[in-house]
Amino acid sequence: MKMNRAAAFILFSMFSAGFLGLARPSIVPQEKPRIRILTTVFPLQEFARETAGERGDVGLLLPPGAEVHTWQPKVSDIRKFASWDVFIYIGHGLEPWASDILKGAARPGLKVFEAGRELPLLSPGPEGDHRDASPSLDPHIWLDFGLDLVLIDRLRDLLQTLEPENAGLFERNAARYKESLRRLDEKCRLAFGSCLQKTFIFGGHEAFGYFARRYGLEQVAVYGLSPDAAPTPKELAAIMAEAKTRKIKTVFFEPGVSDKMARLIAREIGADIRLLNPGHNLTKEQIAAGVTFIDLMESNLESFKHGLACR
């Protein structure tokens, strides 16, 4: 059967286009953008990143090495709020600038997650815990691993409302990370159950109140809830006297805050010094090395075991 010239030309054109890759490309479905999450401190960044998994793009507002109590956002930082889907912060005075930014710079539809809301919060000193929003309440909630479990559950719930189709993924991610925290918590309980000393002198700010409450320890901090709240000479003398009475052999200091006070006390009472990291932020070197919140807390545990003479 002979083919006319017109039909042959059409057939040749179709074959040539397919062979040379000139045929009309198939339409590929566009991938759904990831949930963009902005956090204020490193523990919240890790909690959100681990819970969201591949569906999250999680950023940290603090620059590497910055101290959260004294850092102030610049105009360039405020502009970031226009491009994020979720903003997660601690509250209770840790980020005093947050409310003004949220009123004036946040884009419509931004989901705001206040991590410290409705948690059993501590007042500085011996007064115990409270549940109001007073700025004097201790905001360092991430140093209670039991409260962290609650936070991760709440983050999971928020993400599930944003992407119901990925509810199972968020559930699995949250469960996996919570198991890591439970193992860390159990290590701490076992270690602190064998310590000869239960009081520790911290030459930094009053950050470890929640940690001390969870494991039956007593924190004596040189500074207040903020590193700017320096002790008076009378307060410093009282700390030294208490350290001598309790036969303290180690004084702890923190990164980002001068260790001058810790060294002064240690020299006065004949003690050594060890690092404790509240974990609110990482340095550039730690970020490059992939240091995690769990890593920081396990390092703290080793310092505590030395300083409190744990068997």
C-alpha atoms as a PDB file:
ATOM      1  CA  MET A   1       0.000   0.000   0.000  1.00  0.00           C
ATOM      2  CA  LYS A   2       1.495   3.296  -1.091  1.00  0.00           C
ATOM      3  CA  MET A   3       1.574   6.324   1.185  1.00  0.00           C
ATOM      4  CA  ASN A   4       0.915   9.771  -0.288  1.00  0.00           C
ATOM      5  CA  ARG A   5       3.456  12.512   0.167  1.00  0.00           C
ATOM      6  CA  ALA A   6       1.426  14.478   2.764  1.00  0.00           C
ATOM      7  CA  ALA A   7       0.977  11.462   5.046  1.00  0.00           C
ATOM      8  CA  ALA A   8       4.644  10.524   4.739  1.00  0.00           C
ATOM      9  CA  PHE A   9       5.712  14.054   5.668  1.00  0.00           C
ATOM     10  CA  ILE A  10       3.494  14.073   8.782  1.00  0.00           C
ATOM     11  CA  LEU A  11       4.818  10.666   9.894  1.00  0.00           C
ATOM     12  CA  PHE A  12       8.422  11.755   9.337  1.00  0.00           C
ATOM     13  CA  SER A  13       7.870  14.973  11.328  1.00  0.00           C
ATOM     14  CA  MET A  14       6.392  13.098  14.296  1.00  0.00           C
ATOM     15  CA  PHE A  15       9.236  10.576  14.298  1.00  0.00           C
ATOM     16  CA  SER A  16      11.912  13.257  14.020  1.00  0.00           C
ATOM     17  CA  ALA A  17      10.467  15.320  16.869  1.00  0.00           C
ATOM     18  CA  GLY A  18      10.339  12.296  19.178  1.00  0.00           C
ATOM     19  CA  PHE A  19      13.803  11.083  18.211  1.00  0.00           C
ATOM     20  CA  LEU A  20      15.427  14.477  18.675  1.00  0.00           C
ATOM     21  CA  GLY A  21      13.691  15.132  21.982  1.00  0.00           C
ATOM     22  CA  LEU A  22      11.614  17.944  20.521  1.00  0.00           C
ATOM     23  CA  ALA A  23       8.277  16.467  21.436  1.00  0.00           C
ATOM     24  CA  ARG A  24       6.190  18.478  23.882  1.00  0.00           C
ATOM     25  CA  PRO A  25       7.433  17.701  27.390  1.00  0.00           C
ATOM     26  CA  SER A  26       5.119  16.097  29.903  1.00  0.00           C
ATOM     27  CA  ILE A  27       3.886  18.327  32.726  1.00  0.00           C
ATOM     28  CA  VAL A  28       5.577  17.487  36.065  1.00  0.00           C
ATOM     29  CA  PRO A  29       3.537  18.305  39.187  1.00  0.00           C
ATOM     30  CA  GLN A  30       5.173  21.097  41.206  1.00  0.00           C
ATOM     31  CA  GLU A  31       6.340  20.025  44.674  1.00  0.00           C
ATOM     32  CA  LYS A  32       4.477  21.657  47.557  1.00  0.00           C
ATOM     33  CA  PRO A  33       6.676  24.243  49.355  1.00  0.00           C
ATOM     34  CA  ARG A  34       7.990  23.188  52.725  1.00  0.00           C
ATOM     35  CA  ILE A  35       6.671  24.773  55.910  1.00  0.00           C
ATOM     36  CA  ARG A  36       8.933  27.705  56.774  1.00  0.00           C
ATOM     37  CA  ILE A  37       9.497  27.913  60.536  1.00  0.00           C
ATOM     38  CA  LEU A  38      11.421  30.670  62.348  1.00  0.00           C
ATOM     39  CA  THR A  39      12.599  30.080  65.946  1.00  0.00           C
ATOM     40  CA  THR A  40      14.327  32.265  68.536  1.00  0.00           C
ATOM     41  CA  VAL A  41      16.593  29.817  70.401  1.00  0.00           C
ATOM     42  CA  PHE A  42      18.481  26.710  69.348  1.00  0.00           C
ATOM     43  CA  PRO A  43      16.476  24.115  71.345  1.00  0.00           C
ATOM     44  CA  LEU A  44      13.262  25.288  69.664  1.00  0.00           C
ATOM     45  CA  GLN A  45      14.978  25.085  66.278  1.00  0.00           C
ATOM     46  CA  GLU A  46      16.013  21.492  66.919  1.00  0.00           C
ATOM     47  CA  PHE A  47      12.592  20.486  68.269  1.00  0.00           C
ATOM     48  CA  ALA A  48      10.858  21.972  65.212  1.00  0.00           C
ATOM     49  CA  ARG A  49      13.390  20.557  62.741  1.00  0.00           C
ATOM     50  CA  GLU A  50      13.189  17.048  64.168  1.00  0.00           C
ATOM     51  CA  THR A  51       9.390  17.088  64.286  1.00  0.00           C
ATOM     52  CA  ALA A  52       8.834  18.594  60.827  1.00  0.00           C
ATOM     53  CA  GLY A  53      11.517  16.474  59.171  1.00  0.00           C
ATOM     54  CA  GLU A  54      11.620  16.770  55.385  1.00  0.00           C
ATOM     55  CA  ARG A  55       8.508  18.968  55.403  1.00  0.00           C
ATOM     56  CA  GLY A  56      10.151  21.768  57.391  1.00  0.00           C
ATOM     57  CA  ASP A  57      12.533  24.577  56.538  1.00  0.00           C
ATOM     58  CA  VAL A  58      13.553  25.711  60.034  1.00  0.00           C
ATOM     59  CA  GLY A  59      15.580  28.859  60.722  1.00  0.00           C
ATOM     60  CA  LEU A  60      17.090  30.446  63.825  1.00  0.00           C
ATOM     61  CA  LEU A  61      16.689  34.168  64.404  1.00  0.00           C
ATOM     62  CA  LEU A  62      19.715  34.442  66.715  1.00  0.00           C
ATOM     63  CA  PRO A  63      23.070  34.828  64.930  1.00  0.00           C
ATOM     64  CA  PRO A  64      25.715  32.229  65.886  1.00  0.00           C
ATOM     65  CA  GLY A  65      27.101  32.844  69.357  1.00  0.00           C
ATOM     66  CA  ALA A  66      24.615  35.614  70.246  1.00  0.00           C
ATOM     67  CA  GLU A  67      23.305  35.799  73.826  1.00  0.00           C
ATOM     68  CA  VAL A  68      19.511  35.661  73.758  1.00  0.00           C
ATOM     69  CA  HIS A  69      19.026  37.862  76.844  1.00  0.00           C
ATOM     70  CA  THR A  70      20.895  40.823  75.358  1.00  0.00           C
ATOM     71  CA  TRP A  71      20.416  40.419  71.588  1.00  0.00           C
ATOM     72  CA  GLN A  72      18.214  42.937  69.785  1.00  0.00           C
ATOM     73  CA  PRO A  73      16.841  42.378  66.259  1.00  0.00           C
ATOM     74  CA  LYS A  74      17.943  44.654  63.434  1.00  0.00           C
ATOM     75  CA  VAL A  75      15.751  45.894  60.590  1.00  0.00           C
ATOM     76  CA  SER A  76      17.034  43.028  58.421  1.00  0.00           C
ATOM     77  CA  ASP A  77      15.926  40.542  61.098  1.00  0.00           C
ATOM     78  CA  ILE A  78      12.474  42.098  61.328  1.00  0.00           C
ATOM     79  CA  ARG A  79      12.034  41.826  57.560  1.00  0.00           C
ATOM     80  CA  LYS A  80      12.428  38.046  57.832  1.00  0.00           C
ATOM     81  CA  PHE A  81       8.999  37.804  59.439  1.00  0.00           C
ATOM     82  CA  ALA A  82       7.355  38.504  56.082  1.00  0.00           C
ATOM     83  CA  SER A  83       8.547  35.216  54.563  1.00  0.00           C
ATOM     84  CA  TRP A  84       7.887  32.611  57.274  1.00  0.00           C
ATOM     85  CA  ASP A  85       4.796  30.485  57.913  1.00  0.00           C
ATOM     86  CA  VAL A  86       5.357  29.791  61.640  1.00  0.00           C
ATOM     87  CA  PHE A  87       7.116  31.758  64.386  1.00  0.00           C
ATOM     88  CA  ILE A  88       8.120  29.897  67.561  1.00  0.00           C
ATOM     89  CA  TYR A  89       9.377  31.703  70.644  1.00  0.00           C
ATOM     90  CA  ILE A  90       9.650  31.054  74.391  1.00  0.00           C
ATOM     91  CA  GLY A  91       7.863  34.106  75.800  1.00  0.00           C
ATOM     92  CA  HIS A  92       7.860  35.205  79.446  1.00  0.00           C
ATOM     93  CA  GLY A  93      10.354  37.984  78.919  1.00  0.00           C
ATOM     94  CA  LEU A  94      13.057  36.033  77.089  1.00  0.00           C
ATOM     95  CA  GLU A  95      12.331  37.877  73.825  1.00  0.00           C
ATOM     96  CA  PRO A  96      10.895  41.247  74.975  1.00  0.00           C
ATOM     97  CA  TRP A  97      10.929  42.565  71.398  1.00  0.00           C
ATOM     98  CA  ALA A  98       8.743  39.774  70.015  1.00  0.00           C
ATOM     99  CA  SER A  99       5.326  41.287  70.756  1.00  0.00           C
ATOM    100  CA  ASP A 100       6.146  44.579  68.990  1.00  0.00           C
ATOM    101  CA  ILE A 101       7.467  42.781  65.911  1.00  0.00           C
ATOM    102  CA  LEU A 102       4.429  40.537  65.738  1.00  0.00           C
ATOM    103  CA  LYS A 103       2.120  43.545  65.882  1.00  0.00           C
ATOM    104  CA  GLY A 104       3.878  45.514  63.189  1.00  0.00           C
ATOM    105  CA  ALA A 105       5.925  43.275  60.913  1.00  0.00           C
ATOM    106  CA  ALA A 106       4.385  39.818  60.799  1.00  0.00           C
ATOM    107  CA  ARG A 107       2.585  38.898  57.593  1.00  0.00           C
ATOM    108  CA  PRO A 108      -1.103  37.957  57.665  1.00  0.00           C
ATOM    109  CA  GLY A 109      -1.589  34.259  58.322  1.00  0.00           C
ATOM    110  CA  LEU A 110       1.631  33.798  60.300  1.00  0.00           C
ATOM    111  CA  LYS A 111       1.135  31.052  62.897  1.00  0.00           C
ATOM    112  CA  VAL A 112       2.593  32.069  66.273  1.00  0.00           C
ATOM    113  CA  PHE A 113       3.602  29.413  68.790  1.00  0.00           C
ATOM    114  CA  GLU A 114       4.487  30.612  72.317  1.00  0.00           C
ATOM    115  CA  ALA A 115       6.315  27.658  73.825  1.00  0.00           C
ATOM    116  CA  GLY A 116       6.061  28.747  77.455  1.00  0.00           C
ATOM    117  CA  ARG A 117       2.297  29.190  77.496  1.00  0.00           C
ATOM    118  CA  GLU A 118       0.419  27.137  80.135  1.00  0.00           C
ATOM    119  CA  LEU A 119       3.516  25.343  81.417  1.00  0.00           C
ATOM    120  CA  PRO A 120       4.426  25.076  85.136  1.00  0.00           C
ATOM    121  CA  LEU A 121       6.925  27.932  85.280  1.00  0.00           C
ATOM    122  CA  LEU A 122       9.429  28.785  87.992  1.00  0.00           C
ATOM    123  CA  SER A 123      10.030  32.065  89.764  1.00  0.00           C
ATOM    124  CA  PRO A 124      13.681  32.854  90.471  1.00  0.00           C
ATOM    125  CA  GLY A 125      14.784  31.860  93.929  1.00  0.00           C
ATOM    126  CA  PRO A 126      12.928  29.619  96.373  1.00  0.00           C
ATOM    127  CA  GLU A 127       9.351  30.757  95.725  1.00  0.00           C
ATOM    128  CA  GLY A 128       8.417  27.710  93.631  1.00  0.00           C
ATOM    129  CA  ASP A 129       6.540  27.421  90.375  1.00  0.00           C
ATOM    130  CA  HIS A 130       3.706  29.567  89.028  1.00  0.00           C
ATOM    131  CA  ARG A 131       1.467  29.685  85.982  1.00  0.00           C
ATOM    132  CA  ASP A 132       1.045  33.397  85.225  1.00  0.00           C
ATOM    133  CA  ALA A 133       2.790  35.473  82.576  1.00  0.00           C
ATOM    134  CA  SER A 134       4.895  37.649  84.881  1.00  0.00           C
ATOM    135  CA  PRO A 135       8.191  38.772  83.293  1.00  0.00           C
ATOM    136  CA  SER A 136       9.966  37.583  86.444  1.00  0.00           C
ATOM    137  CA  LEU A 137       9.223  33.955  85.642  1.00  0.00           C
ATOM    138  CA  ASP A 138      12.094  31.731  84.535  1.00  0.00           C
ATOM    139  CA  PRO A 139      11.949  31.277  80.730  1.00  0.00           C
ATOM    140  CA  HIS A 140      14.575  28.497  80.451  1.00  0.00           C
ATOM    141  CA  ILE A 141      11.950  25.799  80.013  1.00  0.00           C
ATOM    142  CA  TRP A 142      14.016  23.719  77.556  1.00  0.00           C
ATOM    143  CA  LEU A 143      16.226  22.575  80.451  1.00  0.00           C
ATOM    144  CA  ASP A 144      13.381  20.419  81.769  1.00  0.00           C
ATOM    145  CA  PHE A 145      13.281  17.419  79.438  1.00  0.00           C
ATOM    146  CA  GLY A 146       9.788  16.524  80.633  1.00  0.00           C
ATOM    147  CA  LEU A 147       8.502  19.923  79.485  1.00  0.00           C
ATOM    148  CA  ASP A 148      10.319  19.367  76.185  1.00  0.00           C
ATOM    149  CA  LEU A 149       8.166  16.297  75.580  1.00  0.00           C
ATOM    150  CA  VAL A 150       5.063  18.467  75.998  1.00  0.00           C
ATOM    151  CA  LEU A 151       6.455  21.092  73.609  1.00  0.00           C
ATOM    152  CA  ILE A 152       7.172  18.511  70.926  1.00  0.00           C
ATOM    153  CA  ASP A 153       3.631  17.143  71.183  1.00  0.00           C
ATOM    154  CA  ARG A 154       2.280  20.671  70.722  1.00  0.00           C
ATOM    155  CA  LEU A 155       4.551  21.273  67.750  1.00  0.00           C
ATOM    156  CA  ARG A 156       3.398  18.006  66.212  1.00  0.00           C
ATOM    157  CA  ASP A 157      -0.237  19.065  66.635  1.00  0.00           C
ATOM    158  CA  LEU A 158       0.429  22.438  65.014  1.00  0.00           C
ATOM    159  CA  LEU A 159       2.172  20.870  62.031  1.00  0.00           C
ATOM    160  CA  GLN A 160      -0.643  18.365  61.618  1.00  0.00           C
ATOM    161  CA  THR A 161      -3.167  21.208  61.361  1.00  0.00           C
ATOM    162  CA  LEU A 162      -1.015  22.848  58.685  1.00  0.00           C
ATOM    163  CA  GLU A 163      -0.520  19.644  56.668  1.00  0.00           C
ATOM    164  CA  PRO A 164      -3.080  16.996  57.636  1.00  0.00           C
ATOM    165  CA  GLU A 165      -1.892  14.810  54.773  1.00  0.00           C
ATOM    166  CA  ASN A 166       1.482  14.442  56.549  1.00  0.00           C
ATOM    167  CA  ALA A 167       0.075  13.805  60.026  1.00  0.00           C
ATOM    168  CA  GLY A 168       1.640  10.344  60.162  1.00  0.00           C
ATOM    169  CA  LEU A 169       5.088  11.688  59.254  1.00  0.00           C
ATOM    170  CA  PHE A 170       4.950  14.295  62.015  1.00  0.00           C
ATOM    171  CA  GLU A 171       3.742  11.688  64.490  1.00  0.00           C
ATOM    172  CA  ARG A 172       6.650   9.355  63.714  1.00  0.00           C
ATOM    173  CA  ASN A 173       9.214  12.152  63.802  1.00  0.00           C
ATOM    174  CA  ALA A 174       7.959  13.418  67.146  1.00  0.00           C
ATOM    175  CA  ALA A 175       7.928   9.929  68.653  1.00  0.00           C
ATOM    176  CA  ARG A 176      11.504   9.263  67.529  1.00  0.00           C
ATOM    177  CA  TYR A 177      12.881  12.489  68.985  1.00  0.00           C
ATOM    178  CA  LYS A 178      10.919  12.114  72.211  1.00  0.00           C
ATOM    179  CA  GLU A 179      12.547   8.727  72.689  1.00  0.00           C
ATOM    180  CA  SER A 180      15.973  10.409  72.496  1.00  0.00           C
ATOM    181  CA  LEU A 181      14.900  12.851  75.193  1.00  0.00           C
ATOM    182  CA  ARG A 182      13.566  10.034  77.383  1.00  0.00           C
ATOM    183  CA  ARG A 183      16.890   8.217  77.164  1.00  0.00           C
ATOM    184  CA  LEU A 184      18.705  11.423  78.134  1.00  0.00           C
ATOM    185  CA  ASP A 185      16.304  11.967  81.021  1.00  0.00           C
ATOM    186  CA  GLU A 186      16.889   8.434  82.295  1.00  0.00           C
ATOM    187  CA  LYS A 187      20.674   8.912  82.142  1.00  0.00           C
ATOM    188  CA  CYS A 188      20.310  12.028  84.276  1.00  0.00           C
ATOM    189  CA  ARG A 189      18.038  10.333  86.820  1.00  0.00           C
ATOM    190  CA  LEU A 190      20.468   7.447  87.236  1.00  0.00           C
ATOM    191  CA  ALA A 191      23.492   9.734  87.530  1.00  0.00           C
ATOM    192  CA  PHE A 192      22.041  12.205  90.022  1.00  0.00           C
ATOM    193  CA  GLY A 193      20.712   9.429  92.208  1.00  0.00           C
ATOM    194  CA  SER A 194      24.311   8.557  93.141  1.00  0.00           C
ATOM    195  CA  CYS A 195      25.789  12.037  93.743  1.00  0.00           C
ATOM    196  CA  LEU A 196      27.398  12.957  97.047  1.00  0.00           C
ATOM    197  CA  GLN A 197      26.676  16.639  96.451  1.00  0.00           C
ATOM    198  CA  LYS A 198      23.285  18.103  95.474  1.00  0.00           C
ATOM    199  CA  THR A 199      24.134  21.828  95.448  1.00  0.00           C
ATOM    200  CA  PHE A 200      26.026  23.444  92.589  1.00  0.00           C
ATOM    201  CA  ILE A 201      27.504  26.928  92.241  1.00  0.00           C
ATOM    202  CA  PHE A 202      26.921  28.355  88.785  1.00  0.00           C
ATOM    203  CA  GLY A 203      29.066  31.332  87.846  1.00  0.00           C
ATOM    204  CA  GLY A 204      26.608  32.234  85.096  1.00  0.00           C
ATOM    205  CA  HIS A 205      22.990  33.410  85.048  1.00  0.00           C
ATOM    206  CA  GLU A 206      20.138  31.588  86.750  1.00  0.00           C
ATOM    207  CA  ALA A 207      19.438  29.231  83.847  1.00  0.00           C
ATOM    208  CA  PHE A 208      19.345  25.757  85.417  1.00  0.00           C
ATOM    209  CA  GLY A 209      16.338  26.128  87.706  1.00  0.00           C
ATOM    210  CA  TYR A 210      14.167  23.698  85.730  1.00  0.00           C
ATOM    211  CA  PHE A 211      17.008  21.213  85.486  1.00  0.00           C
ATOM    212  CA  ALA A 212      17.589  21.428  89.243  1.00  0.00           C
ATOM    213  CA  ARG A 213      13.883  21.011  89.990  1.00  0.00           C
ATOM    214  CA  ARG A 214      13.606  17.900  87.823  1.00  0.00           C
ATOM    215  CA  TYR A 215      16.568  16.081  89.394  1.00  0.00           C
ATOM    216  CA  GLY A 216      16.407  17.229  93.002  1.00  0.00           C
ATOM    217  CA  LEU A 217      19.383  19.598  92.816  1.00  0.00           C
ATOM    218  CA  GLU A 218      19.913  23.089  94.216  1.00  0.00           C
ATOM    219  CA  GLN A 219      21.262  25.854  91.986  1.00  0.00           C
ATOM    220  CA  VAL A 220      23.187  28.799  93.452  1.00  0.00           C
ATOM    221  CA  ALA A 221      23.687  31.213  90.547  1.00  0.00           C
ATOM    222  CA  VAL A 222      26.026  34.200  90.633  1.00  0.00           C
ATOM    223  CA  TYR A 223      23.894  36.248  88.220  1.00  0.00           C
ATOM    224  CA  GLY A 224      20.100  36.559  88.045  1.00  0.00           C
ATOM    225  CA  LEU A 225      17.810  35.366  85.262  1.00  0.00           C
ATOM    226  CA  SER A 226      19.752  37.654  82.913  1.00  0.00           C
ATOM    227  CA  PRO A 227      23.573  37.756  82.720  1.00  0.00           C
ATOM    228  CA  ASP A 228      23.283  41.532  83.244  1.00  0.00           C
ATOM    229  CA  ALA A 229      21.991  41.004  86.792  1.00  0.00           C
ATOM    230  CA  ALA A 230      25.416  40.967  88.489  1.00  0.00           C
ATOM    231  CA  PRO A 231      25.731  40.199  92.228  1.00  0.00           C
ATOM    232  CA  THR A 232      26.505  42.807  94.867  1.00  0.00           C
ATOM    233  CA  PRO A 233      29.664  42.326  96.977  1.00  0.00           C
ATOM    234  CA  LYS A 234      27.429  41.187  99.846  1.00  0.00           C
ATOM    235  CA  GLU A 235      25.700  38.586  97.649  1.00  0.00           C
ATOM    236  CA  LEU A 236      29.016  37.342  96.321  1.00  0.00           C
ATOM    237  CA  ALA A 237      30.388  36.964  99.861  1.00  0.00           C
ATOM    238  CA  ALA A 238      27.280  34.976 100.830  1.00  0.00           C
ATOM    239  CA  ILE A 239      27.782  32.620  97.856  1.00  0.00           C
ATOM    240  CA  MET A 240      31.394  32.025  98.857  1.00  0.00           C
ATOM    241  CA  ALA A 241      30.404  31.347 102.456  1.00  0.00           C
ATOM    242  CA  GLU A 242      27.755  28.845 101.366  1.00  0.00           C
ATOM    243  CA  ALA A 243      30.204  27.128  99.021  1.00  0.00           C
ATOM    244  CA  LYS A 244      32.690  26.690 101.875  1.00  0.00           C
ATOM    245  CA  THR A 245      30.011  25.413 104.235  1.00  0.00           C
ATOM    246  CA  ARG A 246      28.819  22.833 101.712  1.00  0.00           C
ATOM    247  CA  LYS A 247      32.385  21.873 100.779  1.00  0.00           C
ATOM    248  CA  ILE A 248      31.845  22.639  97.099  1.00  0.00           C
ATOM    249  CA  LYS A 249      34.736  21.310  94.992  1.00  0.00           C
ATOM    250  CA  THR A 250      33.683  22.569  91.537  1.00  0.00           C
ATOM    251  CA  VAL A 251      32.323  25.909  90.322  1.00  0.00           C
ATOM    252  CA  PHE A 252      30.571  25.954  86.950  1.00  0.00           C
ATOM    253  CA  PHE A 253      30.716  28.665  84.294  1.00  0.00           C
ATOM    254  CA  GLU A 254      28.837  29.196  81.037  1.00  0.00           C
ATOM    255  CA  PRO A 255      29.870  30.109  77.480  1.00  0.00           C
ATOM    256  CA  GLY A 256      29.214  33.651  76.351  1.00  0.00           C
ATOM    257  CA  VAL A 257      29.405  35.042  79.889  1.00  0.00           C
ATOM    258  CA  SER A 258      32.646  36.104  81.553  1.00  0.00           C
ATOM    259  CA  ASP A 259      34.093  33.360  83.761  1.00  0.00           C
ATOM    260  CA  LYS A 260      35.672  35.974  86.053  1.00  0.00           C
ATOM    261  CA  MET A 261      33.208  35.377  88.904  1.00  0.00           C
ATOM    262  CA  ALA A 262      33.466  31.601  88.623  1.00  0.00           C
ATOM    263  CA  ARG A 263      37.262  31.748  88.788  1.00  0.00           C
ATOM    264  CA  LEU A 264      37.159  34.185  91.695  1.00  0.00           C
ATOM    265  CA  ILE A 265      34.898  31.904  93.738  1.00  0.00           C
ATOM    266  CA  ALA A 266      36.866  28.789  92.786  1.00  0.00           C
ATOM    267  CA  ARG A 267      40.114  30.404  93.835  1.00  0.00           C
ATOM    268  CA  GLU A 268      38.619  31.540  97.146  1.00  0.00           C
ATOM    269  CA  ILE A 269      37.258  28.101  98.105  1.00  0.00           C
ATOM    270  CA  GLY A 270      39.945  25.936  96.499  1.00  0.00           C
ATOM    271  CA  ALA A 271      37.733  24.452  93.756  1.00  0.00           C
ATOM    272  CA  ASP A 272      38.149  23.703  90.062  1.00  0.00           C
ATOM    273  CA  ILE A 273      35.878  24.994  87.290  1.00  0.00           C
ATOM    274  CA  ARG A 274      33.795  23.190  84.669  1.00  0.00           C
ATOM    275  CA  LEU A 275      31.615  24.290  81.757  1.00  0.00           C
ATOM    276  CA  LEU A 276      27.809  24.121  81.781  1.00  0.00           C
ATOM    277  CA  ASN A 277      25.999  25.171  78.617  1.00  0.00           C
ATOM    278  CA  PRO A 278      22.380  26.369  78.908  1.00  0.00           C
ATOM    279  CA  GLY A 279      22.071  25.547  75.203  1.00  0.00           C
ATOM    280  CA  HIS A 280      20.190  28.586  73.938  1.00  0.00           C
ATOM    281  CA  ASN A 281      22.548  29.017  70.970  1.00  0.00           C
ATOM    282  CA  LEU A 282      25.517  27.546  69.096  1.00  0.00           C
ATOM    283  CA  THR A 283      28.777  29.024  67.871  1.00  0.00           C
ATOM    284  CA  LYS A 284      29.777  28.890  64.204  1.00  0.00           C
ATOM    285  CA  GLU A 285      32.173  26.058  65.016  1.00  0.00           C
ATOM    286  CA  GLN A 286      29.465  24.022  66.745  1.00  0.00           C
ATOM    287  CA  ILE A 287      27.085  24.536  63.831  1.00  0.00           C
ATOM    288  CA  ALA A 288      29.769  23.362  61.383  1.00  0.00           C
ATOM    289  CA  ALA A 289      30.421  20.302  63.554  1.00  0.00           C
ATOM    290  CA  GLY A 290      26.715  19.377  63.658  1.00  0.00           C
ATOM    291  CA  VAL A 291      26.387  19.680  67.430  1.00  0.00           C
ATOM    292  CA  THR A 292      22.880  18.868  68.672  1.00  0.00           C
ATOM    293  CA  PHE A 293      20.888  19.855  71.742  1.00  0.00           C
ATOM    294  CA  ILE A 294      21.238  16.288  72.996  1.00  0.00           C
ATOM    295  CA  ASP A 295      25.037  16.569  72.579  1.00  0.00           C
ATOM    296  CA  LEU A 296      25.121  19.741  74.690  1.00  0.00           C
ATOM    297  CA  MET A 297      23.039  18.201  77.445  1.00  0.00           C
ATOM    298  CA  GLU A 298      25.125  15.013  77.575  1.00  0.00           C
ATOM    299  CA  SER A 299      28.245  17.160  77.899  1.00  0.00           C
ATOM    300  CA  ASN A 300      26.561  19.025  80.759  1.00  0.00           C
ATOM    301  CA  LEU A 301      25.796  15.716  82.434  1.00  0.00           C
ATOM    302  CA  GLU A 302      29.480  14.763  82.381  1.00  0.00           C
ATOM    303  CA  SER A 303      30.375  18.105  83.973  1.00  0.00           C
ATOM    304  CA  PHE A 304      27.726  17.614  86.636  1.00  0.00           C
ATOM    305  CA  LYS A 305      28.908  14.080  87.405  1.00  0.00           C
ATOM    306  CA  HIS A 306      32.391  15.424  88.033  1.00  0.00           C
ATOM    307  CA  GLY A 307      31.310  18.475  90.021  1.00  0.00           C
ATOM    308  CA  LEU A 308      28.744  16.721  92.217  1.00  0.00           C
ATOM    309  CA  ALA A 309      30.887  13.657  92.878  1.00  0.00           C
ATOM    310  CA  CYS A 310      28.460  11.212  91.301  1.00  0.00           C
ATOM    311  CA  ARG A 311      29.433   7.555  91.539  1.00  0.00           C
END
